Amino acid sequence: MDSNGSRFTLSRYATEEELWRAIVEVIPSTLKESIDRKKSKLIEPYPGSKEYILNDKNNKNIAVANISEIREKEVDWCIYIET
């Protein structure tokens, strides 16, 4: 983890549930209770890309997890915290 966010790696075939669990596991503890899964969403801004928009209960964007690198069997993700 760095000062602006967190990084993690998942299988290229990970489910949305596995992605969510990885995000919750690595996100700073100060934000864990703020995240509202029902208000958050997984999007594909363009083909081959994915972003998980993390919102709080007021639908305010608090972080974004996006793909930073795709390899044959794994995908690296990075979480950027809104400041």
N, C-alpha and C. Protein backbone atom coordinates (compact mmCIF):
# COMPACT_ATOMS: atom_id res chain seq x y z
N MET A 1 0.85 -1.19 0.00
CA MET A 1 0.00 0.00 0.00
C MET A 1 0.89 1.24 0.00
N ASP A 2 0.49 2.27 -0.76
CA ASP A 2 1.21 3.52 -0.73
C ASP A 2 0.29 4.59 -0.16
N SER A 3 0.76 5.83 -0.13
CA SER A 3 -0.01 6.88 0.52
C SER A 3 -1.28 7.25 -0.23
N ASN A 4 -1.36 6.91 -1.52
CA ASN A 4 -2.53 7.27 -2.31
C ASN A 4 -3.51 6.12 -2.52
N GLY A 5 -3.16 4.93 -2.10
CA GLY A 5 -4.07 3.82 -2.32
C GLY A 5 -3.42 2.49 -2.08
N SER A 6 -4.01 1.46 -2.65
CA SER A 6 -3.58 0.09 -2.43
C SER A 6 -3.51 -0.64 -3.76
N ARG A 7 -2.71 -1.69 -3.77
CA ARG A 7 -2.58 -2.53 -4.96
C ARG A 7 -2.81 -3.98 -4.56
N PHE A 8 -3.39 -4.75 -5.49
CA PHE A 8 -3.57 -6.17 -5.24
C PHE A 8 -3.66 -6.89 -6.57
N THR A 9 -3.48 -8.21 -6.54
CA THR A 9 -3.52 -9.04 -7.73
C THR A 9 -4.56 -10.14 -7.55
N LEU A 10 -5.34 -10.38 -8.61
CA LEU A 10 -6.35 -11.43 -8.61
C LEU A 10 -6.19 -12.27 -9.87
N SER A 11 -6.80 -13.43 -9.84
CA SER A 11 -6.88 -14.26 -11.04
C SER A 11 -7.62 -13.48 -12.12
N ARG A 12 -7.22 -13.70 -13.33
CA ARG A 12 -7.89 -13.04 -14.45
C ARG A 12 -9.38 -13.44 -14.51
N TYR A 13 -9.72 -14.55 -13.92
CA TYR A 13 -11.09 -15.06 -13.96
C TYR A 13 -11.83 -14.87 -12.63
N ALA A 14 -11.35 -13.97 -11.79
CA ALA A 14 -11.99 -13.70 -10.50
C ALA A 14 -13.41 -13.18 -10.71
N THR A 15 -14.28 -13.55 -9.79
CA THR A 15 -15.67 -13.08 -9.85
C THR A 15 -15.78 -11.68 -9.26
N GLU A 16 -16.92 -11.06 -9.45
CA GLU A 16 -17.15 -9.74 -8.86
C GLU A 16 -17.09 -9.83 -7.33
N GLU A 17 -17.58 -10.93 -6.78
CA GLU A 17 -17.52 -11.13 -5.32
C GLU A 17 -16.06 -11.21 -4.83
N GLU A 18 -15.23 -11.92 -5.55
CA GLU A 18 -13.81 -12.02 -5.18
C GLU A 18 -13.13 -10.66 -5.29
N LEU A 19 -13.49 -9.90 -6.30
CA LEU A 19 -12.94 -8.55 -6.45
C LEU A 19 -13.36 -7.68 -5.27
N TRP A 20 -14.64 -7.73 -4.91
CA TRP A 20 -15.14 -6.94 -3.79
C TRP A 20 -14.38 -7.29 -2.50
N ARG A 21 -14.23 -8.58 -2.24
CA ARG A 21 -13.52 -9.01 -1.02
C ARG A 21 -12.08 -8.51 -1.00
N ALA A 22 -11.41 -8.55 -2.15
CA ALA A 22 -10.02 -8.07 -2.23
C ALA A 22 -9.96 -6.57 -1.95
N ILE A 23 -10.91 -5.83 -2.49
CA ILE A 23 -10.95 -4.38 -2.26
C ILE A 23 -11.11 -4.09 -0.77
N VAL A 24 -12.08 -4.74 -0.14
CA VAL A 24 -12.35 -4.52 1.28
C VAL A 24 -11.14 -4.92 2.13
N GLU A 25 -10.44 -5.96 1.71
CA GLU A 25 -9.29 -6.43 2.47
C GLU A 25 -8.14 -5.43 2.46
N VAL A 26 -7.92 -4.74 1.35
CA VAL A 26 -6.75 -3.87 1.24
C VAL A 26 -7.02 -2.38 1.42
N ILE A 27 -8.29 -1.99 1.36
CA ILE A 27 -8.58 -0.56 1.52
C ILE A 27 -8.29 -0.12 2.95
N PRO A 28 -7.84 1.11 3.15
CA PRO A 28 -7.55 1.57 4.51
C PRO A 28 -8.74 1.39 5.45
N SER A 29 -8.45 0.99 6.66
CA SER A 29 -9.52 0.70 7.62
C SER A 29 -10.41 1.91 7.90
N THR A 30 -9.89 3.10 7.74
CA THR A 30 -10.70 4.30 7.97
C THR A 30 -11.82 4.45 6.95
N LEU A 31 -11.69 3.77 5.81
CA LEU A 31 -12.72 3.86 4.77
C LEU A 31 -13.66 2.66 4.73
N LYS A 32 -13.26 1.57 5.34
CA LYS A 32 -14.05 0.33 5.25
C LYS A 32 -15.50 0.51 5.68
N GLU A 33 -15.72 1.23 6.75
CA GLU A 33 -17.08 1.39 7.24
C GLU A 33 -17.88 2.40 6.43
N SER A 34 -17.20 3.22 5.63
CA SER A 34 -17.88 4.22 4.81
C SER A 34 -18.44 3.65 3.52
N ILE A 35 -17.85 2.59 3.02
CA ILE A 35 -18.23 2.04 1.73
C ILE A 35 -19.61 1.39 1.81
N ASP A 36 -20.45 1.72 0.84
CA ASP A 36 -21.77 1.11 0.72
C ASP A 36 -21.77 0.27 -0.56
N ARG A 37 -21.79 -1.02 -0.40
CA ARG A 37 -21.71 -1.89 -1.57
C ARG A 37 -22.87 -1.67 -2.53
N LYS A 38 -24.05 -1.41 -2.00
CA LYS A 38 -25.22 -1.21 -2.86
C LYS A 38 -25.10 0.06 -3.71
N LYS A 39 -24.36 1.04 -3.24
CA LYS A 39 -24.17 2.29 -3.97
C LYS A 39 -22.93 2.23 -4.87
N SER A 40 -22.08 1.26 -4.65
CA SER A 40 -20.86 1.09 -5.45
C SER A 40 -21.19 0.29 -6.70
N LYS A 41 -20.35 0.43 -7.74
CA LYS A 41 -20.66 -0.28 -8.97
C LYS A 41 -19.41 -0.62 -9.77
N LEU A 42 -19.49 -1.76 -10.44
CA LEU A 42 -18.44 -2.22 -11.34
C LEU A 42 -18.84 -1.78 -12.75
N ILE A 43 -17.95 -1.04 -13.42
CA ILE A 43 -18.25 -0.56 -14.76
C ILE A 43 -17.14 -0.95 -15.73
N GLU A 44 -17.45 -0.86 -17.00
CA GLU A 44 -16.47 -1.09 -18.06
C GLU A 44 -16.44 0.19 -18.90
N PRO A 45 -15.55 1.15 -18.55
CA PRO A 45 -15.54 2.43 -19.24
C PRO A 45 -15.20 2.33 -20.73
N TYR A 46 -14.46 1.30 -21.08
CA TYR A 46 -14.18 0.99 -22.49
C TYR A 46 -13.83 -0.49 -22.56
N PRO A 47 -13.96 -1.11 -23.74
CA PRO A 47 -13.73 -2.57 -23.85
C PRO A 47 -12.37 -3.00 -23.30
N GLY A 48 -12.41 -4.03 -22.44
CA GLY A 48 -11.19 -4.57 -21.85
C GLY A 48 -10.77 -3.90 -20.56
N SER A 49 -11.49 -2.88 -20.15
CA SER A 49 -11.15 -2.16 -18.93
C SER A 49 -12.28 -2.35 -17.91
N LYS A 50 -11.91 -2.32 -16.64
CA LYS A 50 -12.92 -2.39 -15.58
C LYS A 50 -12.53 -1.43 -14.48
N GLU A 51 -13.54 -0.84 -13.87
CA GLU A 51 -13.36 0.03 -12.70
C GLU A 51 -14.45 -0.30 -11.70
N TYR A 52 -14.08 -0.31 -10.44
CA TYR A 52 -15.07 -0.46 -9.37
C TYR A 52 -15.15 0.88 -8.68
N ILE A 53 -16.27 1.56 -8.83
CA ILE A 53 -16.48 2.86 -8.20
C ILE A 53 -17.02 2.60 -6.79
N LEU A 54 -16.30 3.06 -5.79
CA LEU A 54 -16.67 2.84 -4.39
C LEU A 54 -17.33 4.10 -3.85
N ASN A 55 -18.60 3.97 -3.49
CA ASN A 55 -19.36 5.10 -2.98
C ASN A 55 -19.80 4.86 -1.54
N ASP A 56 -20.08 5.98 -0.86
CA ASP A 56 -20.61 5.86 0.50
C ASP A 56 -22.13 5.85 0.44
N LYS A 57 -22.78 5.85 1.61
CA LYS A 57 -24.25 5.75 1.65
C LYS A 57 -24.94 6.95 1.02
N ASN A 58 -24.24 8.08 0.88
CA ASN A 58 -24.79 9.27 0.23
C ASN A 58 -24.47 9.31 -1.26
N ASN A 59 -23.95 8.20 -1.78
CA ASN A 59 -23.56 8.05 -3.18
C ASN A 59 -22.38 8.93 -3.55
N LYS A 60 -21.60 9.34 -2.57
CA LYS A 60 -20.39 10.13 -2.82
C LYS A 60 -19.24 9.18 -3.14
N ASN A 61 -18.51 9.49 -4.20
CA ASN A 61 -17.36 8.68 -4.60
C ASN A 61 -16.24 8.84 -3.57
N ILE A 62 -15.80 7.71 -2.98
CA ILE A 62 -14.71 7.78 -2.01
C ILE A 62 -13.44 7.10 -2.50
N ALA A 63 -13.58 6.24 -3.51
CA ALA A 63 -12.41 5.57 -4.08
C ALA A 63 -12.78 4.90 -5.40
N VAL A 64 -11.75 4.59 -6.18
CA VAL A 64 -11.92 3.88 -7.45
C VAL A 64 -10.87 2.80 -7.53
N ALA A 65 -11.29 1.58 -7.83
CA ALA A 65 -10.35 0.48 -8.07
C ALA A 65 -10.36 0.23 -9.57
N ASN A 66 -9.16 0.23 -10.18
CA ASN A 66 -9.13 -0.06 -11.61
C ASN A 66 -7.96 -0.96 -11.96
N ILE A 67 -8.07 -1.55 -13.13
CA ILE A 67 -7.03 -2.47 -13.60
C ILE A 67 -5.80 -1.66 -13.97
N SER A 68 -4.65 -2.09 -13.44
CA SER A 68 -3.41 -1.42 -13.81
C SER A 68 -2.58 -2.25 -14.78
N GLU A 69 -2.77 -3.59 -14.75
CA GLU A 69 -2.05 -4.45 -15.69
C GLU A 69 -2.77 -5.79 -15.82
N ILE A 70 -2.82 -6.29 -17.04
CA ILE A 70 -3.41 -7.61 -17.30
C ILE A 70 -2.31 -8.51 -17.84
N ARG A 71 -2.17 -9.67 -17.20
CA ARG A 71 -1.22 -10.68 -17.65
C ARG A 71 -2.00 -11.92 -18.07
N GLU A 72 -1.30 -12.95 -18.47
CA GLU A 72 -1.96 -14.16 -18.97
C GLU A 72 -2.96 -14.73 -17.98
N LYS A 73 -2.59 -14.83 -16.70
CA LYS A 73 -3.47 -15.46 -15.72
C LYS A 73 -3.86 -14.55 -14.57
N GLU A 74 -3.31 -13.36 -14.50
CA GLU A 74 -3.56 -12.47 -13.37
C GLU A 74 -3.86 -11.05 -13.83
N VAL A 75 -4.53 -10.33 -12.95
CA VAL A 75 -4.83 -8.92 -13.18
C VAL A 75 -4.38 -8.14 -11.95
N ASP A 76 -3.61 -7.08 -12.17
CA ASP A 76 -3.22 -6.18 -11.09
C ASP A 76 -4.23 -5.04 -11.02
N TRP A 77 -4.65 -4.76 -9.81
CA TRP A 77 -5.60 -3.68 -9.54
C TRP A 77 -4.96 -2.64 -8.66
N CYS A 78 -5.40 -1.41 -8.79
CA CYS A 78 -4.94 -0.32 -7.93
C CYS A 78 -6.17 0.45 -7.45
N ILE A 79 -6.17 0.82 -6.20
CA ILE A 79 -7.27 1.59 -5.62
C ILE A 79 -6.78 3.02 -5.40
N TYR A 80 -7.50 3.97 -5.94
CA TYR A 80 -7.18 5.39 -5.75
C TYR A 80 -8.21 5.99 -4.82
N ILE A 81 -7.74 6.59 -3.75
CA ILE A 81 -8.60 7.18 -2.73
C ILE A 81 -8.89 8.64 -3.10
N GLU A 82 -10.15 9.01 -3.06
CA GLU A 82 -10.51 10.41 -3.29
C GLU A 82 -10.09 11.23 -2.08
N THR A 83 -9.54 12.41 -2.33
CA THR A 83 -9.10 13.27 -1.22
C THR A 83 -9.91 14.54 -1.17
